[in-house]
Amino acid sequence: MNFQGEKILLVEDDQTLNFIVKDNLEQAGYVVTSFEDGESAVKNFALGKYSLCLLDVMLPKKDGFSVAKEIREIDDHVPIIFLTARSMTEDRITGLTIGGDDYITKPFSMEELLLKIRIFLKRSLASSEPTTDQNYYKVGQFNFYFDSLVLEANTERKTLTYKEAELLRYFCDNPNKVLSRSDILKQVWGSDDYYLGRSLDVFISRLRKYLGSDENIKILNLHGIGFRFNAAITKN
């Protein structure tokens, strides 16, 4: 899949790191607009259309979490990757729970960053294409279209974040089974990490809220083990 020309919003207040990341991304064929403060980034995002956002957490004028919240009010779909300091583990939890899709800790290699970007852009571009039958699930009274990240029932329509959609798909692929926390984290996040585990509880709460109008759908918390997704699932 060709990602040449895809637009990326980069917000990083360290001038040197900003320059290095922007230069490497442009060499890889991306079109990068960069800022060093959160306030300018939000104003620009509202005016343009981006395929992906890279947000530092500690920013002047408006921090990365505030920027992400405002971006999510404008666009539920665009992938957001946070750039976090290695020692600031709480950043990972906060970033994921407010709508971020992933994080990368500093210092990081450009190869790692480019790989993450390619993964999310691949999913993003796929979700803009017509939905295929194999990615559709009937979940109780809901229709779940994984490719387009859409969950709908009657007149209600919700656009999920990537991680919300991936978590729901994993549940739908394993209905009425006992799923350990470790397996869920490895399958959805790729790592059985303590801090990701804390974020998992927040994502579970979100899915319960989204699916709450169907009383026959339950995400049961099995203390000390994991979860069981009780629902009638039809998969195409």
Foldseek 3Di string as FASTA:
>chain_A
DDPAAAEEEEEAQPVVVQVVLCVVVVVVRYHYDYYDALVVSLVVCVVDDHQAYEAEQDGPPAGRLRSVLSVCVVPLERAYEYEYAPVPLVCQLSCVLSRHDYYDYPPDDSVVVVVVVVVSSVLSVQLVDDQDQQQWKCWAQWIAGLSVQWIDHDPDIDRHYNLLSQLVVVLLVPAQDFDFLQNSCCRRVVGSDPSVSVSVVSSVVVVCVVPVVRPQWDWAQDPPGGTHTHTDMDGD
